[in-house]
Amino acid sequence: MVTATIAGVGSALPETVDQQAMWDGFFSGHFDSSRVARRIFDGSGVLRRHAVANPVREDLSRWSTADRMRRYAEEAPPLAHRAVRAALAQAGLAAEELGQLTVASCTGYGTPGVDAKLAASLRLPPEVQRLLVGHMGCYAALPALGSAADFVVARGRPAVLLCLELTSLHVQPPTTDPQQVVSHALFSDAATAVVLRPRPDGGEAPSTGLELVDIAAFTDASTADHMTWDVTDLGFRMGLSPRVPDVLAEHLPAVLGNLLARHGLGTGDVRNWAVHPGGPRILDTVQRTLDLPPRALAASRSVLAEHGNCSSATVLLVLEELRATGALDGGPTVAIAFGPGLTVYTALLRGGPA
């Protein structure tokens, strides 16, 4: 039996911007020195972020959506290329060995898109299959990972998944809406990529030793208005209800419990946790709901502090962080991501010897 294993992880980040500098240089004035906005920024858990459009130097808040999409078309392809090249190098694969390229993004669109431009810059064979996963939001990495893995298992050929988000292009006009302040305090830019390759049963483990075992999802359609990502004439606008963590706490134990039970596991058997750091309240809710020890979400909190919330790219940044510490060399790993719907996605990955 063939399984899909993660053989390489790579990322590419635009300019790093200090959170305090962003507040002092732009957002303090943008939000009219609001004390509420200042408290939200101070409590975001973010120390540094990345931006292709640094608001301290250029204010895009009045740009049309067309202008923002043109900027996305300029900025996205070089970051995409760097991230995939890094993942391929780690996997020890040449680009021409790929059978499929999947790109997930909810922050920019155009045709030919990033997938087509990336295929050209990587000089992929013209018969390579491409898939674009658009506008799913922060959880998109996990269904996209499942789709790429299905290709690997069915076709017996390597695939690459790229998650690329440029949230800095969607800064909104000044507002007193706390939901907008929260999103402006958290979101960041990044490109992350993973290379999946087939592994025959009993075959040699890849360098990361990380096999995708199973994926589970749950959507509570009754709370669809709790998290939104609307296309407006002035970019994409986030809607984020403070009730989101409570809804996630209601559903996460059953979704995760069912996934683990299918494989004879419980939460105590999980060695590593790669939880999408949607914000500090999200991480606190996951830790409390699943009764996890404080260190269990250290990688997620570190990514939030050093990178912010990069939408779909973030959970792959957490996996990259775990890999860098050697944590993925053995035992079960669970990845969890959340997004509009409200939707919870969970993935079970199994590590082996490096």
Protein backbone atom coordinates (compact mmCIF):
# COMPACT_ATOMS: atom_id res chain seq x y z
CA MET A 1 0.00 0.00 0.00
CA VAL A 2 1.31 3.46 -0.92
CA THR A 3 1.09 6.30 1.59
CA ALA A 4 1.84 10.01 1.24
CA THR A 5 4.66 11.40 3.36
CA ILE A 6 5.94 14.91 3.85
CA ALA A 7 9.48 14.92 2.51
CA GLY A 8 10.23 18.64 2.60
CA VAL A 9 8.95 21.88 4.11
CA GLY A 10 9.95 25.37 2.97
CA SER A 11 8.89 28.95 3.56
CA ALA A 12 9.50 32.41 2.16
CA LEU A 13 8.74 35.59 4.07
CA PRO A 14 8.62 39.22 2.97
CA GLU A 15 9.96 42.09 5.06
CA THR A 16 9.77 41.63 8.84
CA VAL A 17 8.02 44.48 10.66
CA ASP A 18 8.03 45.01 14.42
CA GLN A 19 4.51 45.05 15.89
CA GLN A 20 5.24 48.08 18.06
CA ALA A 21 6.68 49.95 15.10
CA MET A 22 3.54 49.23 13.10
CA TRP A 23 1.39 50.58 15.92
CA ASP A 24 3.50 53.68 16.45
CA GLY A 25 4.07 54.39 12.77
CA PHE A 26 0.62 53.67 11.34
CA PHE A 27 -2.13 51.97 13.32
CA SER A 28 -2.14 54.40 16.26
CA GLY A 29 -3.12 57.18 13.89
CA HIS A 30 -5.27 54.88 11.75
CA PHE A 31 -7.41 54.05 14.79
CA ASP A 32 -7.27 57.60 16.19
CA SER A 33 -5.17 56.58 19.24
CA SER A 34 -8.04 54.41 20.48
CA ARG A 35 -7.35 52.87 23.89
CA VAL A 36 -9.40 49.82 22.90
CA ALA A 37 -7.32 49.37 19.74
CA ARG A 38 -4.11 49.75 21.75
CA ARG A 39 -5.21 47.05 24.21
CA ILE A 40 -6.07 44.72 21.33
CA PHE A 41 -2.64 45.22 19.75
CA ASP A 42 -0.88 44.76 23.09
CA GLY A 43 -2.81 41.54 23.78
CA SER A 44 -2.42 40.02 20.31
CA GLY A 45 0.54 37.80 21.20
CA VAL A 46 2.32 39.12 18.10
CA LEU A 47 5.81 40.63 18.31
CA ARG A 48 6.74 40.66 14.63
CA ARG A 49 4.94 40.28 11.33
CA HIS A 50 5.77 40.20 7.63
CA ALA A 51 4.37 42.47 4.95
CA VAL A 52 4.83 42.99 1.22
CA ALA A 53 3.10 46.33 1.85
CA ASN A 54 4.46 47.85 5.05
CA PRO A 55 1.77 50.32 6.23
CA VAL A 56 4.39 52.49 7.89
CA ARG A 57 5.71 53.32 4.41
CA GLU A 58 2.58 53.00 2.24
CA ASP A 59 -1.08 53.26 3.14
CA LEU A 60 -3.19 50.95 0.97
CA SER A 61 -6.41 51.45 2.93
CA ARG A 62 -8.04 53.49 0.14
CA TRP A 63 -6.78 51.34 -2.73
CA SER A 64 -9.33 49.70 -4.98
CA THR A 65 -9.58 45.93 -5.07
CA ALA A 66 -8.29 45.98 -8.67
CA ASP A 67 -5.13 47.81 -7.57
CA ARG A 68 -4.62 45.36 -4.72
CA MET A 69 -4.97 42.41 -7.09
CA ARG A 70 -2.40 43.92 -9.42
CA ARG A 71 -0.02 44.23 -6.48
CA TYR A 72 -0.73 40.61 -5.50
CA ALA A 73 0.18 39.52 -9.03
CA GLU A 74 3.54 41.27 -8.65
CA GLU A 75 4.42 40.13 -5.15
CA ALA A 76 3.09 36.57 -4.96
CA PRO A 77 5.05 34.68 -7.65
CA PRO A 78 8.59 35.39 -6.30
CA LEU A 79 7.60 34.34 -2.78
CA ALA A 80 5.88 31.23 -4.14
CA HIS A 81 9.00 30.27 -6.10
CA ARG A 82 11.29 30.67 -3.09
CA ALA A 83 9.06 28.61 -0.79
CA VAL A 84 8.65 25.71 -3.21
CA ARG A 85 12.34 25.70 -4.09
CA ALA A 86 13.19 25.45 -0.39
CA ALA A 87 10.78 22.55 0.10
CA LEU A 88 12.10 20.71 -2.97
CA ALA A 89 15.68 21.14 -1.78
CA GLN A 90 14.84 19.67 1.60
CA ALA A 91 13.03 16.78 -0.07
CA GLY A 92 15.94 16.15 -2.44
CA LEU A 93 13.63 16.31 -5.45
CA ALA A 94 13.91 18.13 -8.76
CA ALA A 95 10.94 20.20 -9.90
CA GLU A 96 10.48 18.06 -12.99
CA GLU A 97 9.72 15.04 -10.78
CA LEU A 98 6.47 16.62 -9.55
CA GLY A 99 3.16 15.31 -10.82
CA GLN A 100 0.89 17.89 -9.21
CA LEU A 101 1.03 21.46 -7.94
CA THR A 102 -1.63 22.71 -5.51
CA VAL A 103 -1.86 26.37 -4.50
CA ALA A 104 -4.06 27.63 -1.65
CA SER A 105 -4.72 31.34 -1.23
CA CYS A 106 -7.60 33.58 -0.16
CA THR A 107 -5.87 36.97 -0.49
CA GLY A 108 -5.38 37.39 -4.22
CA TYR A 109 -6.67 36.20 -7.59
CA GLY A 110 -5.92 36.51 -11.26
CA THR A 111 -5.76 34.32 -14.33
CA PRO A 112 -3.25 33.00 -15.23
CA GLY A 113 -2.79 32.66 -11.49
CA VAL A 114 0.08 31.98 -9.13
CA ASP A 115 -0.19 28.28 -9.93
CA ALA A 116 0.42 28.84 -13.65
CA LYS A 117 3.18 31.40 -13.07
CA LEU A 118 4.88 29.13 -10.55
CA ALA A 119 4.72 26.17 -12.92
CA ALA A 120 6.48 28.33 -15.50
CA SER A 121 9.17 29.69 -13.16
CA LEU A 122 9.91 26.18 -11.86
CA ARG A 123 9.97 24.90 -15.45
CA LEU A 124 7.54 22.14 -14.62
CA PRO A 125 6.60 19.76 -17.44
CA PRO A 126 3.51 20.96 -19.34
CA GLU A 127 1.57 17.85 -18.30
CA VAL A 128 1.83 18.62 -14.57
CA GLN A 129 -1.61 18.84 -12.99
CA ARG A 130 -2.52 22.06 -11.16
CA LEU A 131 -5.15 22.78 -8.53
CA LEU A 132 -6.10 26.16 -7.02
CA VAL A 133 -7.82 26.19 -3.62
CA GLY A 134 -9.33 29.65 -3.15
CA HIS A 135 -11.06 31.68 -0.44
CA MET A 136 -11.40 28.91 2.16
CA GLY A 137 -9.47 30.96 4.70
CA CYS A 138 -7.24 29.93 7.57
CA TYR A 139 -8.02 26.21 7.49
CA ALA A 140 -7.34 25.74 3.75
CA ALA A 141 -3.94 24.10 4.24
CA LEU A 142 -5.44 20.89 5.63
CA PRO A 143 -8.06 20.09 2.95
CA ALA A 144 -5.46 21.09 0.34
CA LEU A 145 -2.94 18.78 2.00
CA GLY A 146 -5.49 15.97 1.87
CA SER A 147 -6.14 16.57 -1.81
CA ALA A 148 -2.43 16.57 -2.63
CA ALA A 149 -1.95 13.38 -0.61
CA ASP A 150 -4.80 11.69 -2.49
CA PHE A 151 -3.01 12.47 -5.75
CA VAL A 152 0.25 11.02 -4.41
CA VAL A 153 -1.44 7.81 -3.28
CA ALA A 154 -3.52 7.40 -6.44
CA ARG A 155 -0.80 8.28 -8.96
CA GLY A 156 2.35 7.22 -7.11
CA ARG A 157 4.04 10.53 -7.95
CA PRO A 158 5.27 13.45 -5.80
CA ALA A 159 3.20 16.59 -5.32
CA VAL A 160 3.74 20.00 -3.78
CA LEU A 161 1.32 22.16 -1.80
CA LEU A 162 1.90 25.90 -1.56
CA CYS A 163 -0.06 28.13 0.82
CA LEU A 164 0.49 31.81 0.07
CA GLU A 165 -1.27 34.71 1.76
CA LEU A 166 -0.64 38.45 1.44
CA THR A 167 -2.99 39.87 4.03
CA SER A 168 -1.11 43.19 4.17
CA LEU A 169 -2.75 44.08 0.85
CA HIS A 170 -6.15 44.24 2.57
CA VAL A 171 -5.71 46.93 5.19
CA GLN A 172 -9.12 48.58 5.58
CA PRO A 173 -10.12 52.24 6.00
CA PRO A 174 -10.19 53.64 9.57
CA THR A 175 -12.95 52.20 11.74
CA THR A 176 -14.03 51.81 15.36
CA ASP A 177 -15.19 48.20 14.77
CA PRO A 178 -13.28 45.99 17.26
CA GLN A 179 -13.47 43.02 14.85
CA GLN A 180 -11.48 45.00 12.30
CA VAL A 181 -8.96 46.06 14.91
CA VAL A 182 -8.41 42.43 15.92
CA SER A 183 -7.78 41.34 12.33
CA HIS A 184 -5.40 44.25 11.74
CA ALA A 185 -3.49 43.34 14.91
CA LEU A 186 -3.02 39.69 13.94
CA PHE A 187 -2.70 39.07 10.23
CA SER A 188 0.56 38.75 8.32
CA ASP A 189 2.10 37.58 5.03
CA ALA A 190 3.88 34.30 4.26
CA ALA A 191 4.38 31.55 1.71
CA THR A 192 4.85 27.98 2.92
CA ALA A 193 5.22 24.78 0.90
CA VAL A 194 5.35 21.06 1.59
CA VAL A 195 6.49 18.32 -0.76
CA LEU A 196 4.63 15.02 -0.55
CA ARG A 197 6.06 11.87 -2.00
CA PRO A 198 4.80 8.29 -2.22
CA ARG A 199 6.15 5.74 0.19
CA PRO A 200 5.49 2.05 -0.45
CA ASP A 201 4.51 0.02 2.58
CA GLY A 202 7.74 -0.80 4.39
CA GLY A 203 9.72 1.67 2.30
CA GLU A 204 12.36 4.00 3.65
CA ALA A 205 10.99 6.96 5.64
CA PRO A 206 11.61 10.48 4.33
CA SER A 207 13.82 12.93 6.19
CA THR A 208 10.91 14.34 8.18
CA GLY A 209 9.40 10.90 8.77
CA LEU A 210 5.90 12.40 8.62
CA GLU A 211 3.11 10.37 7.03
CA LEU A 212 -0.37 11.80 6.50
CA VAL A 213 -2.62 9.19 8.13
CA ASP A 214 -6.11 10.71 8.15
CA ILE A 215 -8.10 13.95 8.01
CA ALA A 216 -11.41 14.92 9.62
CA ALA A 217 -13.59 18.01 9.25
CA PHE A 218 -16.68 19.55 10.84
CA THR A 219 -18.65 22.63 9.80
CA ASP A 220 -21.29 24.29 11.97
CA ALA A 221 -23.34 26.11 9.33
CA SER A 222 -25.52 27.73 12.00
CA THR A 223 -22.55 29.97 12.92
CA ALA A 224 -21.59 30.94 9.36
CA ASP A 225 -21.83 34.64 10.18
CA HIS A 226 -19.22 34.36 12.98
CA MET A 227 -16.26 34.50 10.59
CA THR A 228 -16.41 36.06 7.14
CA TRP A 229 -14.00 37.25 4.42
CA ASP A 230 -15.93 39.53 2.10
CA VAL A 231 -14.76 40.95 -1.21
CA THR A 232 -15.43 44.71 -1.20
CA ASP A 233 -14.50 47.59 -3.47
CA LEU A 234 -11.66 48.36 -1.04
CA GLY A 235 -10.07 44.93 -0.74
CA PHE A 236 -11.19 41.96 1.34
CA ARG A 237 -12.80 42.67 4.72
CA MET A 238 -12.66 40.33 7.73
CA GLY A 239 -15.61 39.65 10.00
CA LEU A 240 -14.64 38.01 13.30
CA SER A 241 -17.10 37.41 16.12
CA PRO A 242 -15.79 37.16 19.70
CA ARG A 243 -17.95 34.01 20.00
CA VAL A 244 -15.65 32.02 17.69
CA PRO A 245 -13.53 30.41 20.45
CA ASP A 246 -16.66 29.23 22.29
CA VAL A 247 -18.06 27.55 19.16
CA LEU A 248 -14.74 25.85 18.49
CA ALA A 249 -14.60 24.61 22.08
CA GLU A 250 -18.04 23.09 21.64
CA HIS A 251 -17.09 20.98 18.60
CA LEU A 252 -13.34 20.32 18.78
CA PRO A 253 -13.33 17.48 21.36
CA ALA A 254 -15.74 15.33 19.34
CA VAL A 255 -14.11 16.04 15.97
CA LEU A 256 -10.63 15.27 17.25
CA GLY A 257 -11.78 12.39 19.43
CA ASN A 258 -13.44 10.65 16.49
CA LEU A 259 -10.33 11.09 14.33
CA LEU A 260 -8.02 9.66 16.97
CA ALA A 261 -10.39 6.83 17.92
CA ARG A 262 -10.39 5.57 14.34
CA HIS A 263 -6.72 4.80 14.87
CA GLY A 264 -6.89 3.55 18.44
CA LEU A 265 -5.49 6.75 19.93
CA GLY A 266 -6.44 9.32 22.53
CA THR A 267 -5.20 12.86 23.13
CA GLY A 268 -2.63 11.52 25.59
CA ASP A 269 -0.98 9.55 22.77
CA VAL A 270 -0.32 12.67 20.66
CA ARG A 271 3.32 13.72 20.80
CA ASN A 272 3.14 16.99 18.85
CA TRP A 273 0.46 19.61 18.31
CA ALA A 274 0.45 21.91 15.27
CA VAL A 275 -2.49 24.20 16.03
CA HIS A 276 -3.29 27.17 13.82
CA PRO A 277 -2.59 30.24 15.98
CA GLY A 278 -5.65 32.26 15.05
CA GLY A 279 -4.94 34.40 18.10
CA PRO A 280 -4.14 33.99 21.78
CA ARG A 281 -7.77 33.30 22.74
CA ILE A 282 -7.94 30.50 20.17
CA LEU A 283 -4.81 28.85 21.53
CA ASP A 284 -5.94 29.25 25.14
CA THR A 285 -9.29 27.69 24.24
CA VAL A 286 -7.68 24.69 22.52
CA GLN A 287 -5.30 24.13 25.43
CA ARG A 288 -8.09 24.33 28.02
CA THR A 289 -10.64 22.31 26.03
CA LEU A 290 -8.25 19.46 25.28
CA ASP A 291 -6.57 19.68 28.71
CA LEU A 292 -3.12 20.01 27.16
CA PRO A 293 0.04 20.83 29.13
CA PRO A 294 1.43 24.36 28.69
CA ARG A 295 4.32 23.27 26.45
CA ALA A 296 2.03 21.44 24.00
CA LEU A 297 1.28 24.62 22.05
CA ALA A 298 4.71 26.21 22.37
CA ALA A 299 5.37 25.98 18.63
CA SER A 300 2.02 27.60 17.80
CA ARG A 301 2.62 30.44 20.27
CA SER A 302 6.11 30.95 18.90
CA VAL A 303 4.79 31.21 15.34
CA LEU A 304 2.11 33.67 16.45
CA ALA A 305 4.75 35.84 18.15
CA GLU A 306 7.29 35.77 15.32
CA HIS A 307 5.01 35.63 12.26
CA GLY A 308 1.48 36.59 13.27
CA ASN A 309 -1.55 34.88 11.73
CA CYS A 310 -0.69 34.18 8.08
CA SER A 311 -4.04 32.57 7.29
CA SER A 312 -3.66 29.25 5.43
CA ALA A 313 0.14 29.36 5.52
CA THR A 314 0.33 29.42 9.32
CA VAL A 315 -0.27 25.79 10.29
CA LEU A 316 2.52 24.78 7.88
CA LEU A 317 4.79 27.30 9.60
CA VAL A 318 4.00 25.50 12.86
CA LEU A 319 4.94 22.16 11.29
CA GLU A 320 8.17 23.75 10.07
CA GLU A 321 8.87 25.02 13.60
CA LEU A 322 8.28 21.55 15.06
CA ARG A 323 10.52 19.96 12.46
CA ALA A 324 13.32 22.43 13.22
CA THR A 325 13.32 21.30 16.85
CA GLY A 326 13.39 17.61 15.88
CA ALA A 327 9.95 17.05 17.40
CA LEU A 328 8.60 15.30 14.29
CA ASP A 329 11.10 12.46 14.40
CA GLY A 330 8.64 10.11 16.05
CA GLY A 331 5.12 9.62 17.38
CA PRO A 332 1.71 10.94 16.36
CA THR A 333 1.29 14.60 15.40
CA VAL A 334 -2.06 16.37 15.19
CA ALA A 335 -2.61 19.48 13.08
CA ILE A 336 -5.71 21.60 13.71
CA ALA A 337 -6.96 24.63 11.79
CA PHE A 338 -10.10 26.73 11.91
CA GLY A 339 -11.90 29.07 9.55
CA PRO A 340 -15.13 30.35 8.04
CA GLY A 341 -18.09 28.04 8.17
CA LEU A 342 -17.37 27.83 11.10
CA THR A 343 -15.10 24.98 10.13
CA VAL A 344 -12.70 22.79 12.10
CA TYR A 345 -10.16 20.67 10.23
CA THR A 346 -7.91 18.14 11.93
CA ALA A 347 -5.16 15.97 10.49
CA LEU A 348 -3.35 13.01 12.01
CA LEU A 349 0.26 12.59 10.95
CA ARG A 350 2.60 9.85 12.05
CA GLY A 351 6.30 10.34 12.59
CA GLY A 352 9.02 7.78 12.24
CA PRO A 353 12.78 7.67 12.63
CA ALA A 354 14.57 10.40 10.69
